[in-house]
Amino acid sequence: MADHKAPTAVTIAPLEEKSGLATFVERWWKLATVLAVALTAWTIWQHKSALDAEAGEVAVWADFRSKAPEDATGLPRGATADLLAIAEAHKGRSATAWIEYMAAVNAYENKDYDDAVRALERLESNHPKHPLVLDTYSFGSDANITKRSVVAEMRTRLAGVKAWRVANADQLSNPELPADAPRVRLSTDKGDIEVALYVDRAPKHCENFLKLVGEGYYDGIKFHRVVPGFMIQAGCPNTKDSAKEPATWGTGGPGYKVDREESGLKHFEGFLAAAKQGGDTQSSGSQFYITVADANQLDKDYVVFGKVLSGMDTAHAIEKLEIAEGTVDRPDMPAVITKATKL
């Protein structure tokens, strides 16, 4: 049998050498895939975080609006401490800087100037890089005026107002009540309001008011007129007579009027004054109002004869009652004086 040679190993060369790019891809494709997946995940996470942040800011404002509803002027109202509590509950959100600023504005409106300063300090501490703190503007028409941030401008104005009030203290408050000032409690279904009377400055008005209180005249009478940021009014007997239409509320009285007295007292927030019909020089025989804000435009025409000692929270609650449809100042569900008592 013929001998055969062992088979020779044959190596088949590739048709062409791998390119540099192919070699790179073959070597690094796994890492590249991992990086691509990671980048995609990062992009998605960033987008979701932005959406979550936006939703978080919306949640802050929703909470704010529910706890600090707007008044008739469109401004959010509430105690400064309550507004700051809302900001604290959402600490870290950008929206809280605006809420802290509005707390300062609210305190300023309420003449709580020290609280306003504290709210601004909190804003600066919690949001040192916020536009309210950093961005500067020219407040005024003078081209050379120093630019200030919104917070710095409010600080300047607060300092100015406080200094002016100190220098003009005698123009910003009424004299002290006499030592023997009679007191009256108006018990309402919204809470109590206690007033004291300036018997030394408006004796006829005080005597008449005390007489009606003693007769039980005010028991069951409603606060038929409320004007937010101005006053609340009661004293019309028509409001407790079911036979009288609401259209007649504010037109009734005891059948007489009270001669005007120059009490020299001014309409600051929290004072008691006698109502009157337009054009009259005499005061109503029974209708009165309590100021829930300064109303010095009335000083020359109406007689102030008492001061609220306690219960302004009740007065403000009455002030905010919902107005009946088709009217401008009659509450839909008026507060009722359940009992007026001389103390």
C-alpha atoms as a PDB file:
ATOM      1  CA  MET A   1       0.000   0.000   0.000  1.00  0.00           C
ATOM      2  CA  ALA A   2       1.436   3.271  -0.969  1.00  0.00           C
ATOM      3  CA  ASP A   3       2.496   5.598   1.783  1.00  0.00           C
ATOM      4  CA  HIS A   4       0.639   8.979   2.020  1.00  0.00           C
ATOM      5  CA  LYS A   5       1.983  12.205   3.406  1.00  0.00           C
ATOM      6  CA  ALA A   6       0.390  13.657   6.492  1.00  0.00           C
ATOM      7  CA  PRO A   7      -1.994  16.488   5.669  1.00  0.00           C
ATOM      8  CA  THR A   8      -0.420  19.885   5.716  1.00  0.00           C
ATOM      9  CA  ALA A   9      -2.101  22.528   7.995  1.00  0.00           C
ATOM     10  CA  VAL A  10      -3.541  25.302   5.885  1.00  0.00           C
ATOM     11  CA  THR A  11      -4.046  28.790   7.273  1.00  0.00           C
ATOM     12  CA  ILE A  12      -6.539  30.961   5.372  1.00  0.00           C
ATOM     13  CA  ALA A  13      -5.629  34.602   5.587  1.00  0.00           C
ATOM     14  CA  PRO A  14      -8.400  37.150   5.907  1.00  0.00           C
ATOM     15  CA  LEU A  15      -9.302  39.052   2.787  1.00  0.00           C
ATOM     16  CA  GLU A  16      -8.385  42.343   4.539  1.00  0.00           C
ATOM     17  CA  GLU A  17      -6.963  43.511   7.837  1.00  0.00           C
ATOM     18  CA  LYS A  18      -9.354  44.962  10.489  1.00  0.00           C
ATOM     19  CA  SER A  19      -9.537  48.726  10.489  1.00  0.00           C
ATOM     20  CA  GLY A  20      -8.516  50.731  13.538  1.00  0.00           C
ATOM     21  CA  LEU A  21     -12.156  51.678  14.161  1.00  0.00           C
ATOM     22  CA  ALA A  22     -13.287  48.053  14.056  1.00  0.00           C
ATOM     23  CA  THR A  23     -10.614  47.085  16.491  1.00  0.00           C
ATOM     24  CA  PHE A  24     -11.631  49.943  18.836  1.00  0.00           C
ATOM     25  CA  VAL A  25     -15.321  48.992  18.674  1.00  0.00           C
ATOM     26  CA  GLU A  26     -14.597  45.335  19.280  1.00  0.00           C
ATOM     27  CA  ARG A  27     -12.553  46.201  22.297  1.00  0.00           C
ATOM     28  CA  TRP A  28     -14.735  48.907  23.889  1.00  0.00           C
ATOM     29  CA  TRP A  29     -18.317  48.213  22.803  1.00  0.00           C
ATOM     30  CA  LYS A  30     -19.381  46.776  26.155  1.00  0.00           C
ATOM     31  CA  LEU A  31     -18.129  49.793  28.073  1.00  0.00           C
ATOM     32  CA  ALA A  32     -19.701  52.120  25.530  1.00  0.00           C
ATOM     33  CA  THR A  33     -23.035  50.357  25.918  1.00  0.00           C
ATOM     34  CA  VAL A  34     -22.874  50.676  29.680  1.00  0.00           C
ATOM     35  CA  LEU A  35     -22.058  54.380  29.386  1.00  0.00           C
ATOM     36  CA  ALA A  36     -24.901  54.933  26.912  1.00  0.00           C
ATOM     37  CA  VAL A  37     -27.372  53.230  29.209  1.00  0.00           C
ATOM     38  CA  ALA A  38     -26.069  55.239  32.147  1.00  0.00           C
ATOM     39  CA  LEU A  39     -26.339  58.495  30.197  1.00  0.00           C
ATOM     40  CA  THR A  40     -29.881  57.685  29.142  1.00  0.00           C
ATOM     41  CA  ALA A  41     -30.819  56.860  32.717  1.00  0.00           C
ATOM     42  CA  TRP A  42     -29.224  60.113  33.914  1.00  0.00           C
ATOM     43  CA  THR A  43     -31.165  62.139  31.334  1.00  0.00           C
ATOM     44  CA  ILE A  44     -34.421  60.466  32.313  1.00  0.00           C
ATOM     45  CA  TRP A  45     -33.687  61.020  36.008  1.00  0.00           C
ATOM     46  CA  GLN A  46     -32.883  64.682  35.413  1.00  0.00           C
ATOM     47  CA  HIS A  47     -36.125  65.150  33.511  1.00  0.00           C
ATOM     48  CA  LYS A  48     -38.118  63.379  36.204  1.00  0.00           C
ATOM     49  CA  SER A  49     -36.407  65.416  38.913  1.00  0.00           C
ATOM     50  CA  ALA A  50     -37.351  68.610  37.082  1.00  0.00           C
ATOM     51  CA  LEU A  51     -40.947  67.453  36.813  1.00  0.00           C
ATOM     52  CA  ASP A  52     -40.966  66.433  40.478  1.00  0.00           C
ATOM     53  CA  ALA A  53     -39.497  69.824  41.439  1.00  0.00           C
ATOM     54  CA  GLU A  54     -42.129  71.617  39.405  1.00  0.00           C
ATOM     55  CA  ALA A  55     -44.856  69.508  40.984  1.00  0.00           C
ATOM     56  CA  GLY A  56     -43.351  70.289  44.389  1.00  0.00           C
ATOM     57  CA  GLU A  57     -43.478  74.043  43.711  1.00  0.00           C
ATOM     58  CA  VAL A  58     -47.095  73.741  42.578  1.00  0.00           C
ATOM     59  CA  ALA A  59     -47.882  71.862  45.790  1.00  0.00           C
ATOM     60  CA  VAL A  60     -46.364  74.706  47.832  1.00  0.00           C
ATOM     61  CA  TRP A  61     -48.597  77.291  46.163  1.00  0.00           C
ATOM     62  CA  ALA A  62     -51.650  75.066  46.493  1.00  0.00           C
ATOM     63  CA  ASP A  63     -51.027  74.759  50.225  1.00  0.00           C
ATOM     64  CA  PHE A  64     -50.427  78.508  50.479  1.00  0.00           C
ATOM     65  CA  ARG A  65     -53.667  79.422  48.717  1.00  0.00           C
ATOM     66  CA  SER A  66     -55.688  77.032  50.857  1.00  0.00           C
ATOM     67  CA  LYS A  67     -54.326  78.454  54.117  1.00  0.00           C
ATOM     68  CA  ALA A  68     -53.989  82.125  53.138  1.00  0.00           C
ATOM     69  CA  PRO A  69     -56.996  82.937  50.943  1.00  0.00           C
ATOM     70  CA  GLU A  70     -57.168  86.254  49.135  1.00  0.00           C
ATOM     71  CA  ASP A  71     -59.193  89.110  50.557  1.00  0.00           C
ATOM     72  CA  ALA A  72     -61.374  91.504  48.586  1.00  0.00           C
ATOM     73  CA  THR A  73     -58.269  93.334  47.320  1.00  0.00           C
ATOM     74  CA  GLY A  74     -56.787  90.138  45.869  1.00  0.00           C
ATOM     75  CA  LEU A  75     -53.977  89.951  48.429  1.00  0.00           C
ATOM     76  CA  PRO A  76     -53.328  86.839  50.532  1.00  0.00           C
ATOM     77  CA  ARG A  77     -54.156  87.396  54.185  1.00  0.00           C
ATOM     78  CA  GLY A  78     -53.286  85.578  57.357  1.00  0.00           C
ATOM     79  CA  ALA A  79     -51.217  85.911  60.487  1.00  0.00           C
ATOM     80  CA  THR A  80     -47.521  86.357  59.753  1.00  0.00           C
ATOM     81  CA  ALA A  81     -46.714  83.335  61.907  1.00  0.00           C
ATOM     82  CA  ASP A  82     -49.138  81.202  59.889  1.00  0.00           C
ATOM     83  CA  LEU A  83     -47.559  82.240  56.588  1.00  0.00           C
ATOM     84  CA  LEU A  84     -44.091  81.460  57.905  1.00  0.00           C
ATOM     85  CA  ALA A  85     -45.345  78.071  59.124  1.00  0.00           C
ATOM     86  CA  ILE A  86     -46.396  77.275  55.551  1.00  0.00           C
ATOM     87  CA  ALA A  87     -42.910  78.180  54.334  1.00  0.00           C
ATOM     88  CA  GLU A  88     -41.323  76.035  57.038  1.00  0.00           C
ATOM     89  CA  ALA A  89     -43.469  73.041  56.044  1.00  0.00           C
ATOM     90  CA  HIS A  90     -42.032  73.262  52.510  1.00  0.00           C
ATOM     91  CA  LYS A  91     -38.500  74.250  53.441  1.00  0.00           C
ATOM     92  CA  GLY A  92     -36.039  73.932  50.554  1.00  0.00           C
ATOM     93  CA  ARG A  93     -38.513  74.872  47.841  1.00  0.00           C
ATOM     94  CA  SER A  94     -37.920  78.038  45.850  1.00  0.00           C
ATOM     95  CA  ALA A  95     -41.526  79.101  46.298  1.00  0.00           C
ATOM     96  CA  THR A  96     -41.025  79.473  50.041  1.00  0.00           C
ATOM     97  CA  ALA A  97     -38.835  82.532  49.446  1.00  0.00           C
ATOM     98  CA  TRP A  98     -41.837  84.334  47.968  1.00  0.00           C
ATOM     99  CA  ILE A  99     -44.057  83.173  50.819  1.00  0.00           C
ATOM    100  CA  GLU A 100     -41.573  84.499  53.371  1.00  0.00           C
ATOM    101  CA  TYR A 101     -41.513  87.802  51.500  1.00  0.00           C
ATOM    102  CA  MET A 102     -45.323  87.950  51.478  1.00  0.00           C
ATOM    103  CA  ALA A 103     -45.261  87.232  55.224  1.00  0.00           C
ATOM    104  CA  ALA A 104     -43.078  90.330  55.603  1.00  0.00           C
ATOM    105  CA  VAL A 105     -45.463  92.375  53.440  1.00  0.00           C
ATOM    106  CA  ASN A 106     -48.426  91.104  55.447  1.00  0.00           C
ATOM    107  CA  ALA A 107     -46.718  92.080  58.707  1.00  0.00           C
ATOM    108  CA  TYR A 108     -46.004  95.529  57.241  1.00  0.00           C
ATOM    109  CA  GLU A 109     -49.678  95.949  56.286  1.00  0.00           C
ATOM    110  CA  ASN A 110     -50.642  94.996  59.838  1.00  0.00           C
ATOM    111  CA  LYS A 111     -48.121  97.495  61.239  1.00  0.00           C
ATOM    112  CA  ASP A 112     -46.162  94.632  62.822  1.00  0.00           C
ATOM    113  CA  TYR A 113     -42.874  96.172  61.718  1.00  0.00           C
ATOM    114  CA  ASP A 114     -40.605  94.054  63.912  1.00  0.00           C
ATOM    115  CA  ASP A 115     -42.279  90.887  62.593  1.00  0.00           C
ATOM    116  CA  ALA A 116     -41.722  92.171  59.052  1.00  0.00           C
ATOM    117  CA  VAL A 117     -38.003  92.594  59.735  1.00  0.00           C
ATOM    118  CA  ARG A 118     -37.779  89.100  61.196  1.00  0.00           C
ATOM    119  CA  ALA A 119     -39.497  87.625  58.140  1.00  0.00           C
ATOM    120  CA  LEU A 120     -36.979  89.364  55.871  1.00  0.00           C
ATOM    121  CA  GLU A 121     -34.091  88.056  57.973  1.00  0.00           C
ATOM    122  CA  ARG A 122     -35.464  84.547  57.627  1.00  0.00           C
ATOM    123  CA  LEU A 123     -35.775  84.970  53.866  1.00  0.00           C
ATOM    124  CA  GLU A 124     -32.149  86.096  53.602  1.00  0.00           C
ATOM    125  CA  SER A 125     -30.959  83.215  55.772  1.00  0.00           C
ATOM    126  CA  ASN A 126     -32.922  80.499  53.966  1.00  0.00           C
ATOM    127  CA  HIS A 127     -32.482  81.810  50.409  1.00  0.00           C
ATOM    128  CA  PRO A 128     -29.253  83.859  50.236  1.00  0.00           C
ATOM    129  CA  LYS A 129     -29.011  83.458  46.436  1.00  0.00           C
ATOM    130  CA  HIS A 130     -32.655  84.156  45.603  1.00  0.00           C
ATOM    131  CA  PRO A 131     -33.392  87.050  43.188  1.00  0.00           C
ATOM    132  CA  LEU A 132     -35.326  88.832  45.945  1.00  0.00           C
ATOM    133  CA  VAL A 133     -32.058  88.989  47.893  1.00  0.00           C
ATOM    134  CA  LEU A 134     -29.439  89.343  45.131  1.00  0.00           C
ATOM    135  CA  ASP A 135     -30.964  91.158  42.138  1.00  0.00           C
ATOM    136  CA  THR A 136     -30.837  94.960  42.415  1.00  0.00           C
ATOM    137  CA  TYR A 137     -33.070  97.644  40.943  1.00  0.00           C
ATOM    138  CA  SER A 138     -33.503 101.416  40.935  1.00  0.00           C
ATOM    139  CA  PHE A 139     -36.475 102.229  43.150  1.00  0.00           C
ATOM    140  CA  GLY A 140     -37.377 105.730  42.058  1.00  0.00           C
ATOM    141  CA  SER A 141     -36.882 108.075  39.121  1.00  0.00           C
ATOM    142  CA  ASP A 142     -33.482 109.431  40.155  1.00  0.00           C
ATOM    143  CA  ALA A 143     -30.862 107.962  37.797  1.00  0.00           C
ATOM    144  CA  ASN A 144     -28.197 108.303  40.484  1.00  0.00           C
ATOM    145  CA  ILE A 145     -30.122 106.447  43.150  1.00  0.00           C
ATOM    146  CA  THR A 146     -28.341 103.470  44.682  1.00  0.00           C
ATOM    147  CA  LYS A 147     -29.690 100.196  43.371  1.00  0.00           C
ATOM    148  CA  ARG A 148     -31.029  97.825  45.993  1.00  0.00           C
ATOM    149  CA  SER A 149     -32.563  94.376  46.128  1.00  0.00           C
ATOM    150  CA  VAL A 150     -36.272  94.006  46.846  1.00  0.00           C
ATOM    151  CA  VAL A 151     -35.462  92.841  50.376  1.00  0.00           C
ATOM    152  CA  ALA A 152     -33.033  95.723  50.980  1.00  0.00           C
ATOM    153  CA  GLU A 153     -35.603  98.235  49.698  1.00  0.00           C
ATOM    154  CA  MET A 154     -38.247  96.909  52.043  1.00  0.00           C
ATOM    155  CA  ARG A 155     -35.785  97.095  54.937  1.00  0.00           C
ATOM    156  CA  THR A 156     -35.146 100.751  54.094  1.00  0.00           C
ATOM    157  CA  ARG A 157     -38.843 101.541  53.983  1.00  0.00           C
ATOM    158  CA  LEU A 158     -39.495  99.737  57.251  1.00  0.00           C
ATOM    159  CA  ALA A 159     -36.779 101.751  58.962  1.00  0.00           C
ATOM    160  CA  GLY A 160     -38.254 104.971  57.579  1.00  0.00           C
ATOM    161  CA  VAL A 161     -41.793 104.158  58.684  1.00  0.00           C
ATOM    162  CA  LYS A 162     -40.670 103.160  62.183  1.00  0.00           C
ATOM    163  CA  ALA A 163     -38.675 106.382  62.566  1.00  0.00           C
ATOM    164  CA  TRP A 164     -41.601 108.491  61.332  1.00  0.00           C
ATOM    165  CA  ARG A 165     -44.031 106.818  63.724  1.00  0.00           C
ATOM    166  CA  VAL A 166     -41.725 107.453  66.676  1.00  0.00           C
ATOM    167  CA  ALA A 167     -41.416 111.128  65.710  1.00  0.00           C
ATOM    168  CA  ASN A 168     -45.189 111.515  65.216  1.00  0.00           C
ATOM    169  CA  ALA A 169     -46.550 109.262  67.941  1.00  0.00           C
ATOM    170  CA  ASP A 170     -49.092 111.860  69.066  1.00  0.00           C
ATOM    171  CA  GLN A 171     -50.774 111.769  65.642  1.00  0.00           C
ATOM    172  CA  LEU A 172     -50.988 107.986  65.436  1.00  0.00           C
ATOM    173  CA  SER A 173     -53.070 107.062  68.437  1.00  0.00           C
ATOM    174  CA  ASN A 174     -56.024 108.294  70.421  1.00  0.00           C
ATOM    175  CA  PRO A 175     -55.712 109.451  74.033  1.00  0.00           C
ATOM    176  CA  GLU A 176     -55.940 106.898  76.818  1.00  0.00           C
ATOM    177  CA  LEU A 177     -59.368 105.904  78.035  1.00  0.00           C
ATOM    178  CA  PRO A 178     -60.533 107.525  81.285  1.00  0.00           C
ATOM    179  CA  ALA A 179     -59.799 105.485  84.388  1.00  0.00           C
ATOM    180  CA  ASP A 180     -63.507 104.874  85.004  1.00  0.00           C
ATOM    181  CA  ALA A 181     -64.348 104.018  81.383  1.00  0.00           C
ATOM    182  CA  PRO A 182     -67.486 101.807  81.227  1.00  0.00           C
ATOM    183  CA  ARG A 183     -67.009  98.507  79.399  1.00  0.00           C
ATOM    184  CA  VAL A 184     -69.439  96.537  77.258  1.00  0.00           C
ATOM    185  CA  ARG A 185     -69.160  92.983  75.962  1.00  0.00           C
ATOM    186  CA  LEU A 186     -70.783  92.253  72.618  1.00  0.00           C
ATOM    187  CA  SER A 187     -71.239  88.483  72.573  1.00  0.00           C
ATOM    188  CA  THR A 188     -71.675  87.263  68.997  1.00  0.00           C
ATOM    189  CA  ASP A 189     -71.989  83.877  67.323  1.00  0.00           C
ATOM    190  CA  LYS A 190     -68.437  84.459  66.044  1.00  0.00           C
ATOM    191  CA  GLY A 191     -66.923  85.330  69.430  1.00  0.00           C
ATOM    192  CA  ASP A 192     -66.848  88.197  71.920  1.00  0.00           C
ATOM    193  CA  ILE A 193     -65.844  91.817  71.377  1.00  0.00           C
ATOM    194  CA  GLU A 194     -65.198  93.956  74.454  1.00  0.00           C
ATOM    195  CA  VAL A 195     -65.239  97.748  74.166  1.00  0.00           C
ATOM    196  CA  ALA A 196     -64.626 100.630  76.578  1.00  0.00           C
ATOM    197  CA  LEU A 197     -66.230 104.060  76.239  1.00  0.00           C
ATOM    198  CA  TYR A 198     -64.776 107.595  76.196  1.00  0.00           C
ATOM    199  CA  VAL A 199     -67.369 109.049  78.529  1.00  0.00           C
ATOM    200  CA  ASP A 200     -65.157 112.102  78.989  1.00  0.00           C
ATOM    201  CA  ARG A 201     -65.070 112.959  75.272  1.00  0.00           C
ATOM    202  CA  ALA A 202     -68.455 111.857  73.882  1.00  0.00           C
ATOM    203  CA  PRO A 203     -70.751 111.664  76.939  1.00  0.00           C
ATOM    204  CA  LYS A 204     -74.060 111.799  75.004  1.00  0.00           C
ATOM    205  CA  HIS A 205     -73.079 108.991  72.631  1.00  0.00           C
ATOM    206  CA  CYS A 206     -71.775 106.850  75.489  1.00  0.00           C
ATOM    207  CA  GLU A 207     -74.865 107.446  77.636  1.00  0.00           C
ATOM    208  CA  ASN A 208     -77.136 106.490  74.735  1.00  0.00           C
ATOM    209  CA  PHE A 209     -75.138 103.361  73.900  1.00  0.00           C
ATOM    210  CA  LEU A 210     -75.197 102.194  77.519  1.00  0.00           C
ATOM    211  CA  LYS A 211     -78.952 102.863  77.745  1.00  0.00           C
ATOM    212  CA  LEU A 212     -79.637 100.669  74.698  1.00  0.00           C
ATOM    213  CA  VAL A 213     -77.362  97.937  76.038  1.00  0.00           C
ATOM    214  CA  GLY A 214     -79.249  97.994  79.348  1.00  0.00           C
ATOM    215  CA  GLU A 215     -82.587  97.702  77.531  1.00  0.00           C
ATOM    216  CA  GLY A 216     -81.442  94.626  75.588  1.00  0.00           C
ATOM    217  CA  TYR A 217     -81.864  96.596  72.374  1.00  0.00           C
ATOM    218  CA  TYR A 218     -78.832  95.029  70.692  1.00  0.00           C
ATOM    219  CA  ASP A 219     -79.636  91.433  71.628  1.00  0.00           C
ATOM    220  CA  GLY A 220     -80.359  89.544  68.405  1.00  0.00           C
ATOM    221  CA  ILE A 221     -79.234  92.346  66.107  1.00  0.00           C
ATOM    222  CA  LYS A 222     -77.014  91.423  63.154  1.00  0.00           C
ATOM    223  CA  PHE A 223     -73.882  92.954  61.670  1.00  0.00           C
ATOM    224  CA  HIS A 224     -75.666  93.931  58.476  1.00  0.00           C
ATOM    225  CA  ARG A 225     -72.752  95.622  56.720  1.00  0.00           C
ATOM    226  CA  VAL A 226     -69.117  94.541  56.366  1.00  0.00           C
ATOM    227  CA  VAL A 227     -66.419  96.147  54.239  1.00  0.00           C
ATOM    228  CA  PRO A 228     -63.057  94.319  54.266  1.00  0.00           C
ATOM    229  CA  GLY A 229     -60.195  96.618  55.172  1.00  0.00           C
ATOM    230  CA  PHE A 230     -62.622  99.222  56.529  1.00  0.00           C
ATOM    231  CA  MET A 231     -65.312  98.412  59.110  1.00  0.00           C
ATOM    232  CA  ILE A 232     -68.177  96.209  60.342  1.00  0.00           C
ATOM    233  CA  GLN A 233     -71.565  97.796  61.167  1.00  0.00           C
ATOM    234  CA  ALA A 234     -74.547  96.811  63.350  1.00  0.00           C
ATOM    235  CA  GLY A 235     -77.349  98.354  65.362  1.00  0.00           C
ATOM    236  CA  CYS A 236     -80.298  98.339  62.955  1.00  0.00           C
ATOM    237  CA  PRO A 237     -83.405  96.817  64.629  1.00  0.00           C
ATOM    238  CA  ASN A 238     -84.740  95.724  61.239  1.00  0.00           C
ATOM    239  CA  THR A 239     -82.107  92.970  61.172  1.00  0.00           C
ATOM    240  CA  LYS A 240     -83.778  91.046  64.008  1.00  0.00           C
ATOM    241  CA  ASP A 241     -87.319  91.488  62.694  1.00  0.00           C
ATOM    242  CA  SER A 242     -88.165  88.551  60.418  1.00  0.00           C
ATOM    243  CA  ALA A 243     -90.925  90.638  58.829  1.00  0.00           C
ATOM    244  CA  LYS A 244     -88.360  93.157  57.555  1.00  0.00           C
ATOM    245  CA  GLU A 245     -86.711  92.518  54.197  1.00  0.00           C
ATOM    246  CA  PRO A 246     -82.887  92.622  54.037  1.00  0.00           C
ATOM    247  CA  ALA A 247     -83.264  95.607  51.717  1.00  0.00           C
ATOM    248  CA  THR A 248     -84.375  97.602  54.784  1.00  0.00           C
ATOM    249  CA  TRP A 249     -81.331  96.671  56.852  1.00  0.00           C
ATOM    250  CA  GLY A 250     -79.366  99.767  57.803  1.00  0.00           C
ATOM    251  CA  THR A 251     -82.382 102.094  57.666  1.00  0.00           C
ATOM    252  CA  GLY A 252     -83.808 101.480  61.133  1.00  0.00           C
ATOM    253  CA  GLY A 253     -83.241 103.034  64.526  1.00  0.00           C
ATOM    254  CA  PRO A 254     -84.862 103.775  67.894  1.00  0.00           C
ATOM    255  CA  GLY A 255     -86.833 106.729  66.570  1.00  0.00           C
ATOM    256  CA  TYR A 256     -84.375 109.485  67.477  1.00  0.00           C
ATOM    257  CA  LYS A 257     -80.848 110.665  66.651  1.00  0.00           C
ATOM    258  CA  VAL A 258     -77.917 111.889  68.726  1.00  0.00           C
ATOM    259  CA  ASP A 259     -76.438 115.362  68.375  1.00  0.00           C
ATOM    260  CA  ARG A 260     -72.887 115.452  67.083  1.00  0.00           C
ATOM    261  CA  GLU A 261     -70.087 115.728  69.639  1.00  0.00           C
ATOM    262  CA  GLU A 262     -66.544 116.877  68.899  1.00  0.00           C
ATOM    263  CA  SER A 263     -64.773 114.042  70.652  1.00  0.00           C
ATOM    264  CA  GLY A 264     -61.437 114.744  68.957  1.00  0.00           C
ATOM    265  CA  LEU A 265     -60.955 110.978  68.562  1.00  0.00           C
ATOM    266  CA  LYS A 266     -59.705 109.516  65.306  1.00  0.00           C
ATOM    267  CA  HIS A 267     -60.592 106.446  63.279  1.00  0.00           C
ATOM    268  CA  PHE A 268     -57.687 104.124  63.912  1.00  0.00           C
ATOM    269  CA  GLU A 269     -58.128 100.367  63.721  1.00  0.00           C
ATOM    270  CA  GLY A 270     -60.134  98.938  66.597  1.00  0.00           C
ATOM    271  CA  PHE A 271     -62.370 101.873  67.525  1.00  0.00           C
ATOM    272  CA  LEU A 272     -66.113 102.219  67.999  1.00  0.00           C
ATOM    273  CA  ALA A 273     -68.019 105.020  66.236  1.00  0.00           C
ATOM    274  CA  ALA A 274     -71.578 106.101  65.569  1.00  0.00           C
ATOM    275  CA  ALA A 275     -73.013 105.586  62.086  1.00  0.00           C
ATOM    276  CA  LYS A 276     -75.231 108.139  60.392  1.00  0.00           C
ATOM    277  CA  GLN A 277     -77.171 108.658  57.196  1.00  0.00           C
ATOM    278  CA  GLY A 278     -75.413 110.477  54.382  1.00  0.00           C
ATOM    279  CA  GLY A 279     -75.919 114.223  54.678  1.00  0.00           C
ATOM    280  CA  ASP A 280     -76.986 114.072  58.335  1.00  0.00           C
ATOM    281  CA  THR A 281     -75.127 116.038  60.971  1.00  0.00           C
ATOM    282  CA  GLN A 282     -76.615 113.936  63.786  1.00  0.00           C
ATOM    283  CA  SER A 283     -75.523 110.392  64.544  1.00  0.00           C
ATOM    284  CA  SER A 284     -77.820 107.384  64.284  1.00  0.00           C
ATOM    285  CA  GLY A 285     -79.677 106.658  67.477  1.00  0.00           C
ATOM    286  CA  SER A 286     -78.450 103.056  67.582  1.00  0.00           C
ATOM    287  CA  GLN A 287     -76.255 102.068  64.638  1.00  0.00           C
ATOM    288  CA  PHE A 288     -72.516 101.833  65.219  1.00  0.00           C
ATOM    289  CA  TYR A 289     -69.441 100.458  63.497  1.00  0.00           C
ATOM    290  CA  ILE A 290     -66.066  99.062  64.492  1.00  0.00           C
ATOM    291  CA  THR A 291     -63.060  99.930  62.355  1.00  0.00           C
ATOM    292  CA  VAL A 292     -60.978  96.942  61.210  1.00  0.00           C
ATOM    293  CA  ALA A 293     -58.326  99.235  59.704  1.00  0.00           C
ATOM    294  CA  ASP A 294     -57.401 102.905  59.915  1.00  0.00           C
ATOM    295  CA  ALA A 295     -60.145 105.039  58.351  1.00  0.00           C
ATOM    296  CA  ASN A 296     -59.018 108.590  59.038  1.00  0.00           C
ATOM    297  CA  GLN A 297     -61.032 109.954  56.104  1.00  0.00           C
ATOM    298  CA  LEU A 298     -64.041 109.747  58.444  1.00  0.00           C
ATOM    299  CA  ASP A 299     -62.529 111.805  61.265  1.00  0.00           C
ATOM    300  CA  LYS A 300     -64.304 115.073  60.450  1.00  0.00           C
ATOM    301  CA  ASP A 301     -67.761 113.639  59.844  1.00  0.00           C
ATOM    302  CA  TYR A 302     -68.336 110.805  62.311  1.00  0.00           C
ATOM    303  CA  VAL A 303     -68.097 110.535  66.096  1.00  0.00           C
ATOM    304  CA  VAL A 304     -65.700 108.004  67.620  1.00  0.00           C
ATOM    305  CA  PHE A 305     -66.750 107.188  71.197  1.00  0.00           C
ATOM    306  CA  GLY A 306     -65.172 103.855  72.168  1.00  0.00           C
ATOM    307  CA  LYS A 307     -62.203 101.532  71.810  1.00  0.00           C
ATOM    308  CA  VAL A 308     -61.977  97.749  71.366  1.00  0.00           C
ATOM    309  CA  LEU A 309     -60.155  96.240  74.342  1.00  0.00           C
ATOM    310  CA  SER A 310     -60.290  92.641  73.120  1.00  0.00           C
ATOM    311  CA  GLY A 311     -61.887  90.643  70.331  1.00  0.00           C
ATOM    312  CA  MET A 312     -60.351  92.152  67.210  1.00  0.00           C
ATOM    313  CA  ASP A 313     -59.915  88.587  65.959  1.00  0.00           C
ATOM    314  CA  THR A 314     -63.705  88.301  66.107  1.00  0.00           C
ATOM    315  CA  ALA A 315     -64.104  91.627  64.297  1.00  0.00           C
ATOM    316  CA  HIS A 316     -61.761  90.469  61.549  1.00  0.00           C
ATOM    317  CA  ALA A 317     -63.649  87.177  61.255  1.00  0.00           C
ATOM    318  CA  ILE A 318     -66.888  89.126  60.753  1.00  0.00           C
ATOM    319  CA  GLU A 319     -65.117  91.393  58.271  1.00  0.00           C
ATOM    320  CA  LYS A 320     -64.313  88.374  56.071  1.00  0.00           C
ATOM    321  CA  LEU A 321     -67.819  86.922  55.876  1.00  0.00           C
ATOM    322  CA  GLU A 322     -69.018  86.037  52.380  1.00  0.00           C
ATOM    323  CA  ILE A 323     -71.054  88.791  50.742  1.00  0.00           C
ATOM    324  CA  ALA A 324     -74.577  88.028  49.534  1.00  0.00           C
ATOM    325  CA  GLU A 325     -74.985  87.826  45.783  1.00  0.00           C
ATOM    326  CA  GLY A 326     -76.226  91.058  44.247  1.00  0.00           C
ATOM    327  CA  THR A 327     -74.988  93.210  47.138  1.00  0.00           C
ATOM    328  CA  VAL A 328     -71.694  94.931  47.852  1.00  0.00           C
ATOM    329  CA  ASP A 329     -71.512  94.797  51.650  1.00  0.00           C
ATOM    330  CA  ARG A 330     -74.327  92.680  53.120  1.00  0.00           C
ATOM    331  CA  PRO A 331     -73.113  89.339  54.484  1.00  0.00           C
ATOM    332  CA  ASP A 332     -74.831  86.246  53.159  1.00  0.00           C
ATOM    333  CA  MET A 333     -74.803  84.784  56.701  1.00  0.00           C
ATOM    334  CA  PRO A 334     -74.521  87.813  59.037  1.00  0.00           C
ATOM    335  CA  ALA A 335     -72.936  87.557  62.463  1.00  0.00           C
ATOM    336  CA  VAL A 336     -75.455  88.018  65.293  1.00  0.00           C
ATOM    337  CA  ILE A 337     -75.029  89.881  68.590  1.00  0.00           C
ATOM    338  CA  THR A 338     -76.509  87.275  70.909  1.00  0.00           C
ATOM    339  CA  LYS A 339     -76.100  89.460  73.990  1.00  0.00           C
ATOM    340  CA  ALA A 340     -74.760  92.937  74.800  1.00  0.00           C
ATOM    341  CA  THR A 341     -73.728  93.265  78.435  1.00  0.00           C
ATOM    342  CA  LYS A 342     -72.415  96.142  80.515  1.00  0.00           C
ATOM    343  CA  LEU A 343     -69.488  94.858  82.579  1.00  0.00           C
END
